C-alpha atoms as a PDB file:
ATOM      1  CA  MET A   1     -44.230-119.992   8.681  1.00  0.00           C
ATOM      2  CA  THR A   2     -43.322-119.126  12.257  1.00  0.00           C
ATOM      3  CA  SER A   3     -45.326-116.315  13.808  1.00  0.00           C
ATOM      4  CA  HIS A   4     -43.411-113.597  15.615  1.00  0.00           C
ATOM      5  CA  GLN A   5     -46.555-111.850  16.799  1.00  0.00           C
ATOM      6  CA  PRO A   6     -48.036-112.184  20.284  1.00  0.00           C
ATOM      7  CA  ARG A   7     -51.149-114.354  20.457  1.00  0.00           C
ATOM      8  CA  LYS A   8     -53.055-111.532  22.079  1.00  0.00           C
ATOM      9  CA  SER A   9     -52.414-108.050  23.338  1.00  0.00           C
ATOM     10  CA  ALA A  10     -52.722-107.241  26.995  1.00  0.00           C
ATOM     11  CA  GLN A  11     -55.578-104.913  27.899  1.00  0.00           C
ATOM     12  CA  GLN A  12     -55.582-105.090  31.695  1.00  0.00           C
ATOM     13  CA  GLY A  13     -52.818-104.181  34.104  1.00  0.00           C
ATOM     14  CA  ARG A  14     -52.187-107.719  35.291  1.00  0.00           C
ATOM     15  CA  ALA A  15     -51.887-109.084  31.754  1.00  0.00           C
ATOM     16  CA  LYS A  16     -49.565-106.225  30.782  1.00  0.00           C
ATOM     17  CA  ALA A  17     -47.400-106.951  33.818  1.00  0.00           C
ATOM     18  CA  THR A  18     -47.266-110.648  32.886  1.00  0.00           C
ATOM     19  CA  MET A  19     -46.235-109.869  29.319  1.00  0.00           C
ATOM     20  CA  ALA A  20     -43.626-107.384  30.555  1.00  0.00           C
ATOM     21  CA  ALA A  21     -42.219-109.990  32.963  1.00  0.00           C
ATOM     22  CA  ILE A  22     -41.954-112.547  30.153  1.00  0.00           C
ATOM     23  CA  VAL A  23     -40.207-110.075  27.861  1.00  0.00           C
ATOM     24  CA  GLU A  24     -37.775-108.977  30.584  1.00  0.00           C
ATOM     25  CA  ALA A  25     -37.012-112.594  31.476  1.00  0.00           C
ATOM     26  CA  ALA A  26     -36.200-113.277  27.824  1.00  0.00           C
ATOM     27  CA  ALA A  27     -33.988-110.179  27.744  1.00  0.00           C
ATOM     28  CA  ARG A  28     -32.045-111.405  30.782  1.00  0.00           C
ATOM     29  CA  LEU A  29     -31.582-114.825  29.254  1.00  0.00           C
ATOM     30  CA  LEU A  30     -30.412-113.303  25.968  1.00  0.00           C
ATOM     31  CA  GLU A  31     -27.813-111.367  27.977  1.00  0.00           C
ATOM     32  CA  THR A  32     -26.525-114.442  29.761  1.00  0.00           C
ATOM     33  CA  GLN A  33     -27.073-117.281  27.254  1.00  0.00           C
ATOM     34  CA  GLY A  34     -27.690-115.786  23.832  1.00  0.00           C
ATOM     35  CA  GLY A  35     -30.577-116.782  21.618  1.00  0.00           C
ATOM     36  CA  ALA A  36     -29.537-120.318  20.708  1.00  0.00           C
ATOM     37  CA  ARG A  37     -29.891-121.685  24.238  1.00  0.00           C
ATOM     38  CA  LEU A  38     -32.967-119.669  25.200  1.00  0.00           C
ATOM     39  CA  THR A  39     -36.111-121.780  25.594  1.00  0.00           C
ATOM     40  CA  THR A  40     -39.667-120.872  26.453  1.00  0.00           C
ATOM     41  CA  ASN A  41     -39.391-123.078  29.561  1.00  0.00           C
ATOM     42  CA  HIS A  42     -36.414-121.052  30.803  1.00  0.00           C
ATOM     43  CA  VAL A  43     -38.221-117.804  30.047  1.00  0.00           C
ATOM     44  CA  ALA A  44     -41.362-118.897  31.883  1.00  0.00           C
ATOM     45  CA  GLU A  45     -39.373-120.070  34.891  1.00  0.00           C
ATOM     46  CA  LEU A  46     -37.406-116.821  35.164  1.00  0.00           C
ATOM     47  CA  ALA A  47     -40.566-114.756  34.640  1.00  0.00           C
ATOM     48  CA  GLY A  48     -42.313-116.668  37.430  1.00  0.00           C
ATOM     49  CA  VAL A  49     -45.151-117.863  35.210  1.00  0.00           C
ATOM     50  CA  SER A  50     -46.252-121.270  33.969  1.00  0.00           C
ATOM     51  CA  ILE A  51     -45.347-122.359  30.462  1.00  0.00           C
ATOM     52  CA  GLY A  52     -49.077-122.382  29.721  1.00  0.00           C
ATOM     53  CA  THR A  53     -49.320-118.729  30.710  1.00  0.00           C
ATOM     54  CA  LEU A  54     -46.390-117.860  28.444  1.00  0.00           C
ATOM     55  CA  TYR A  55     -48.095-119.652  25.543  1.00  0.00           C
ATOM     56  CA  GLN A  56     -51.292-117.691  26.168  1.00  0.00           C
ATOM     57  CA  TYR A  57     -49.363-114.627  25.024  1.00  0.00           C
ATOM     58  CA  TYR A  58     -46.543-115.891  22.778  1.00  0.00           C
ATOM     59  CA  PRO A  59     -46.723-118.874  20.401  1.00  0.00           C
ATOM     60  CA  ASN A  60     -42.990-119.632  20.441  1.00  0.00           C
ATOM     61  CA  LYS A  61     -39.584-118.389  21.553  1.00  0.00           C
ATOM     62  CA  GLU A  62     -39.128-116.355  18.371  1.00  0.00           C
ATOM     63  CA  ALA A  63     -42.222-114.329  19.241  1.00  0.00           C
ATOM     64  CA  VAL A  64     -40.824-113.644  22.718  1.00  0.00           C
ATOM     65  CA  ILE A  65     -37.447-112.587  21.284  1.00  0.00           C
ATOM     66  CA  ALA A  66     -39.232-110.402  18.730  1.00  0.00           C
ATOM     67  CA  ALA A  67     -41.070-108.741  21.625  1.00  0.00           C
ATOM     68  CA  VAL A  68     -37.729-107.980  23.295  1.00  0.00           C
ATOM     69  CA  LEU A  69     -36.438-106.503  20.058  1.00  0.00           C
ATOM     70  CA  ARG A  70     -39.590-104.408  19.597  1.00  0.00           C
ATOM     71  CA  ARG A  71     -39.327-103.127  23.170  1.00  0.00           C
ATOM     72  CA  GLU A  72     -35.699-102.079  22.733  1.00  0.00           C
ATOM     73  CA  LYS A  73     -36.275-100.427  19.351  1.00  0.00           C
ATOM     74  CA  ALA A  74     -39.368 -98.637  20.647  1.00  0.00           C
ATOM     75  CA  ALA A  75     -37.335 -97.271  23.563  1.00  0.00           C
ATOM     76  CA  LEU A  76     -34.695 -95.903  21.171  1.00  0.00           C
ATOM     77  CA  LEU A  77     -37.340 -94.328  18.963  1.00  0.00           C
ATOM     78  CA  ALA A  78     -39.136 -92.807  21.961  1.00  0.00           C
ATOM     79  CA  GLY A  79     -35.833 -91.406  23.192  1.00  0.00           C
ATOM     80  CA  PHE A  80     -35.173 -89.771  19.815  1.00  0.00           C
ATOM     81  CA  GLU A  81     -38.717 -88.364  19.711  1.00  0.00           C
ATOM     82  CA  ASP A  82     -38.292 -86.910  23.200  1.00  0.00           C
ATOM     83  CA  ILE A  83     -34.967 -85.286  22.282  1.00  0.00           C
ATOM     84  CA  ILE A  84     -36.388 -83.709  19.122  1.00  0.00           C
ATOM     85  CA  ALA A  85     -39.464 -82.471  21.024  1.00  0.00           C
ATOM     86  CA  ARG A  86     -37.295 -80.688  23.595  1.00  0.00           C
ATOM     87  CA  GLY A  87     -36.093 -78.123  21.053  1.00  0.00           C
ATOM     88  CA  LEU A  88     -32.572 -78.037  22.459  1.00  0.00           C
ATOM     89  CA  GLY A  89     -31.013 -76.333  19.470  1.00  0.00           C
ATOM     90  CA  PRO A  90     -29.114 -78.090  16.682  1.00  0.00           C
ATOM     91  CA  LYS A  91     -25.758 -78.796  18.379  1.00  0.00           C
ATOM     92  CA  SER A  92     -27.290 -79.900  21.677  1.00  0.00           C
ATOM     93  CA  THR A  93     -29.792 -82.052  19.793  1.00  0.00           C
ATOM     94  CA  ILE A  94     -27.006 -83.780  17.856  1.00  0.00           C
ATOM     95  CA  ASP A  95     -25.115 -84.353  21.117  1.00  0.00           C
ATOM     96  CA  ALA A  96     -28.242 -85.782  22.761  1.00  0.00           C
ATOM     97  CA  LEU A  97     -29.019 -88.059  19.791  1.00  0.00           C
ATOM     98  CA  ILE A  98     -25.468 -89.429  19.844  1.00  0.00           C
ATOM     99  CA  ASP A  99     -25.735 -89.986  23.608  1.00  0.00           C
ATOM    100  CA  ALA A 100     -29.056 -91.799  23.088  1.00  0.00           C
ATOM    101  CA  THR A 101     -27.536 -93.986  20.367  1.00  0.00           C
ATOM    102  CA  LEU A 102     -24.677 -94.992  22.648  1.00  0.00           C
ATOM    103  CA  ALA A 103     -26.978 -95.520  25.632  1.00  0.00           C
ATOM    104  CA  HIS A 104     -29.100 -97.835  23.496  1.00  0.00           C
ATOM    105  CA  GLN A 105     -26.042 -99.953  22.744  1.00  0.00           C
ATOM    106  CA  TYR A 106     -24.226 -99.745  26.080  1.00  0.00           C
ATOM    107  CA  THR A 107     -26.868 -99.593  28.836  1.00  0.00           C
ATOM    108  CA  ARG A 108     -27.278-103.350  28.372  1.00  0.00           C
ATOM    109  CA  PRO A 109     -24.448-104.139  25.956  1.00  0.00           C
ATOM    110  CA  ARG A 110     -24.766-107.919  26.019  1.00  0.00           C
ATOM    111  CA  LEU A 111     -28.472-107.686  25.249  1.00  0.00           C
ATOM    112  CA  ALA A 112     -27.880-105.193  22.424  1.00  0.00           C
ATOM    113  CA  LEU A 113     -25.215-107.426  20.932  1.00  0.00           C
ATOM    114  CA  ALA A 114     -27.342-110.579  21.213  1.00  0.00           C
ATOM    115  CA  LEU A 115     -30.240-108.829  19.479  1.00  0.00           C
ATOM    116  CA  GLU A 116     -27.897-107.547  16.767  1.00  0.00           C
ATOM    117  CA  TYR A 117     -26.997-111.134  15.872  1.00  0.00           C
ATOM    118  CA  ILE A 118     -30.560-112.481  16.169  1.00  0.00           C
ATOM    119  CA  GLU A 119     -32.434-109.670  14.416  1.00  0.00           C
ATOM    120  CA  PRO A 120     -31.722-110.813  10.821  1.00  0.00           C
ATOM    121  CA  GLU A 121     -33.060-114.298  11.618  1.00  0.00           C
ATOM    122  CA  LEU A 122     -36.419-113.006  12.850  1.00  0.00           C
ATOM    123  CA  GLY A 123     -37.626-111.819   9.447  1.00  0.00           C
ATOM    124  CA  LEU A 124     -39.079-108.539  10.674  1.00  0.00           C
ATOM    125  CA  LEU A 125     -37.954-106.476   7.689  1.00  0.00           C
ATOM    126  CA  VAL A 126     -41.256-104.642   7.231  1.00  0.00           C
ATOM    127  CA  GLU A 127     -41.270-103.555  10.877  1.00  0.00           C
ATOM    128  CA  ASP A 128     -37.576-102.682  10.754  1.00  0.00           C
ATOM    129  CA  HIS A 129     -38.065-100.509   7.684  1.00  0.00           C
ATOM    130  CA  ALA A 130     -40.990 -98.705   9.286  1.00  0.00           C
ATOM    131  CA  ARG A 131     -38.950 -97.966  12.428  1.00  0.00           C
ATOM    132  CA  ASP A 132     -35.959 -96.900  10.366  1.00  0.00           C
ATOM    133  CA  ARG A 133     -38.111 -94.521   8.322  1.00  0.00           C
ATOM    134  CA  ARG A 134     -39.342 -92.894  11.530  1.00  0.00           C
ATOM    135  CA  LEU A 135     -35.798 -92.665  12.907  1.00  0.00           C
ATOM    136  CA  VAL A 136     -34.533 -91.116   9.658  1.00  0.00           C
ATOM    137  CA  ALA A 137     -37.440 -88.640   9.642  1.00  0.00           C
ATOM    138  CA  LEU A 138     -36.495 -87.507  13.150  1.00  0.00           C
ATOM    139  CA  VAL A 139     -32.829 -87.087  12.215  1.00  0.00           C
ATOM    140  CA  ALA A 140     -33.888 -85.224   9.056  1.00  0.00           C
ATOM    141  CA  GLN A 141     -35.494 -82.549  11.238  1.00  0.00           C
ATOM    142  CA  VAL A 142     -32.074 -81.820  12.749  1.00  0.00           C
ATOM    143  CA  VAL A 143     -30.234 -82.032   9.422  1.00  0.00           C
ATOM    144  CA  ILE A 144     -32.546 -79.398   7.926  1.00  0.00           C
ATOM    145  CA  GLU A 145     -31.669 -77.048  10.791  1.00  0.00           C
ATOM    146  CA  VAL A 146     -27.898 -77.498  10.726  1.00  0.00           C
ATOM    147  CA  ALA A 147     -27.295 -78.138   7.019  1.00  0.00           C
ATOM    148  CA  PRO A 148     -30.280 -76.977   4.953  1.00  0.00           C
ATOM    149  CA  ASP A 149     -28.402 -77.633   1.694  1.00  0.00           C
ATOM    150  CA  ALA A 150     -27.534 -81.227   2.607  1.00  0.00           C
ATOM    151  CA  ASP A 151     -28.421 -84.046   0.251  1.00  0.00           C
ATOM    152  CA  ALA A 152     -31.944 -85.433   0.642  1.00  0.00           C
ATOM    153  CA  ARG A 153     -30.457 -88.726   1.848  1.00  0.00           C
ATOM    154  CA  ALA A 154     -28.229 -87.108   4.485  1.00  0.00           C
ATOM    155  CA  ALA A 155     -30.355 -88.234   7.433  1.00  0.00           C
ATOM    156  CA  GLN A 156     -30.445 -91.814   6.133  1.00  0.00           C
ATOM    157  CA  ASP A 157     -26.668 -91.744   5.645  1.00  0.00           C
ATOM    158  CA  LEU A 158     -26.095 -90.367   9.151  1.00  0.00           C
ATOM    159  CA  VAL A 159     -28.251 -93.065  10.753  1.00  0.00           C
ATOM    160  CA  ALA A 160     -26.309 -95.706   8.795  1.00  0.00           C
ATOM    161  CA  ILE A 161     -22.930 -94.179   9.705  1.00  0.00           C
ATOM    162  CA  CYS A 162     -23.722 -93.954  13.422  1.00  0.00           C
ATOM    163  CA  ARG A 163     -25.194 -97.454  13.467  1.00  0.00           C
ATOM    164  CA  ALA A 164     -22.148 -98.870  11.685  1.00  0.00           C
ATOM    165  CA  ILE A 165     -19.650 -97.200  14.010  1.00  0.00           C
ATOM    166  CA  THR A 166     -21.581 -98.134  17.156  1.00  0.00           C
ATOM    167  CA  ASN A 167     -22.272-101.736  16.132  1.00  0.00           C
ATOM    168  CA  THR A 168     -18.749-102.335  14.857  1.00  0.00           C
ATOM    169  CA  ALA A 169     -17.301-100.985  18.097  1.00  0.00           C
ATOM    170  CA  ALA A 170     -19.571-103.238  20.158  1.00  0.00           C
ATOM    171  CA  MET A 171     -18.870-106.314  18.035  1.00  0.00           C
ATOM    172  CA  SER A 172     -15.128-105.750  18.282  1.00  0.00           C
ATOM    173  CA  GLY A 173     -15.384-105.719  22.083  1.00  0.00           C
ATOM    174  CA  GLU A 174     -15.236-102.009  22.856  1.00  0.00           C
ATOM    175  CA  THR A 175     -16.951-101.350  26.162  1.00  0.00           C
ATOM    176  CA  ASP A 176     -16.413 -97.623  26.765  1.00  0.00           C
ATOM    177  CA  PRO A 177     -19.028 -95.433  25.047  1.00  0.00           C
ATOM    178  CA  THR A 178     -17.100 -92.294  26.018  1.00  0.00           C
ATOM    179  CA  ALA A 179     -14.320 -93.448  23.686  1.00  0.00           C
ATOM    180  CA  ILE A 180     -16.784 -93.969  20.840  1.00  0.00           C
ATOM    181  CA  ALA A 181     -18.693 -90.679  21.242  1.00  0.00           C
ATOM    182  CA  PRO A 182     -15.912 -88.465  19.806  1.00  0.00           C
ATOM    183  CA  ARG A 183     -15.746 -90.689  16.710  1.00  0.00           C
ATOM    184  CA  LEU A 184     -19.485 -90.356  16.187  1.00  0.00           C
ATOM    185  CA  HIS A 185     -19.247 -86.583  16.594  1.00  0.00           C
ATOM    186  CA  ARG A 186     -16.425 -86.390  14.042  1.00  0.00           C
ATOM    187  CA  ALA A 187     -18.328 -88.592  11.593  1.00  0.00           C
ATOM    188  CA  VAL A 188     -21.532 -86.537  11.895  1.00  0.00           C
ATOM    189  CA  SER A 189     -19.748 -83.181  11.792  1.00  0.00           C
ATOM    190  CA  GLY A 190     -17.567 -84.260   8.897  1.00  0.00           C
ATOM    191  CA  TYR A 191     -20.482 -85.577   6.892  1.00  0.00           C
ATOM    192  CA  LEU A 192     -22.479 -82.380   7.410  1.00  0.00           C
ATOM    193  CA  GLY A 193     -19.470 -80.127   6.840  1.00  0.00           C
ATOM    194  CA  LEU A 194     -19.680 -78.669  10.334  1.00  0.00           C
ATOM    195  CA  HIS A 195     -16.844 -77.608  12.604  1.00  0.00           C
ATOM    196  CA  ALA A 196     -16.481 -80.295  15.268  1.00  0.00           C
END
C-alpha cells in the first residue's frame, strides 16, 4: 500500500523550510499541470532541492500531494477557529465563515479544484472525517447561538450545503466569489429559518 505520510517530520527551521518549499512547489505544479503530470522530479526542481532531499521527507508523489491537501485543509480549519474565537456575534460570524469558505476555494482556485479531483484518490478518509468533525463542531457553536432549536445535524448539513454550492460553482467554471456569496447566505439563512 502506498504511504501518504512524510518519512520524517521537520524539527529544525531549515528542515521545515525545505518541507514547506517542496509542498509549495507541488501546489504550484498542481495549479499549472494537475496531478496526473506532476512528478517528484518536477517538484524537486521547482523547490530548488535534489530529488534525494525530497525523498528524505516524502516517499512518493502521493505523499507530497497529501501534504499539500493537509496544508490547505489546516488553513481552512485554522481560519474557522480564528473566526469563532473572535466572538463577532452570530450574523457577523456567519458572514465571516462564508467569506472564509469562499476564500479557501477562490484564493487559489486552480489549486482548490485540482485537489478536489485528487482528494478521493488519496485514501485519506480517516483524516478527512477527523477534520470534518472539527469543522462541524465549530459551525455547531454558531448554530446553537442563532437557532438553538435546530436539528442536531444542522451544522453537518450546513457544512455539506456550503461545500456543495461552492464546489459545484467552481467545477462549473464560476470565477467570481462575490456572485456565489449571496447564494450561500440564502442557503444558510433558509436552512436555519433566519431572515436573510
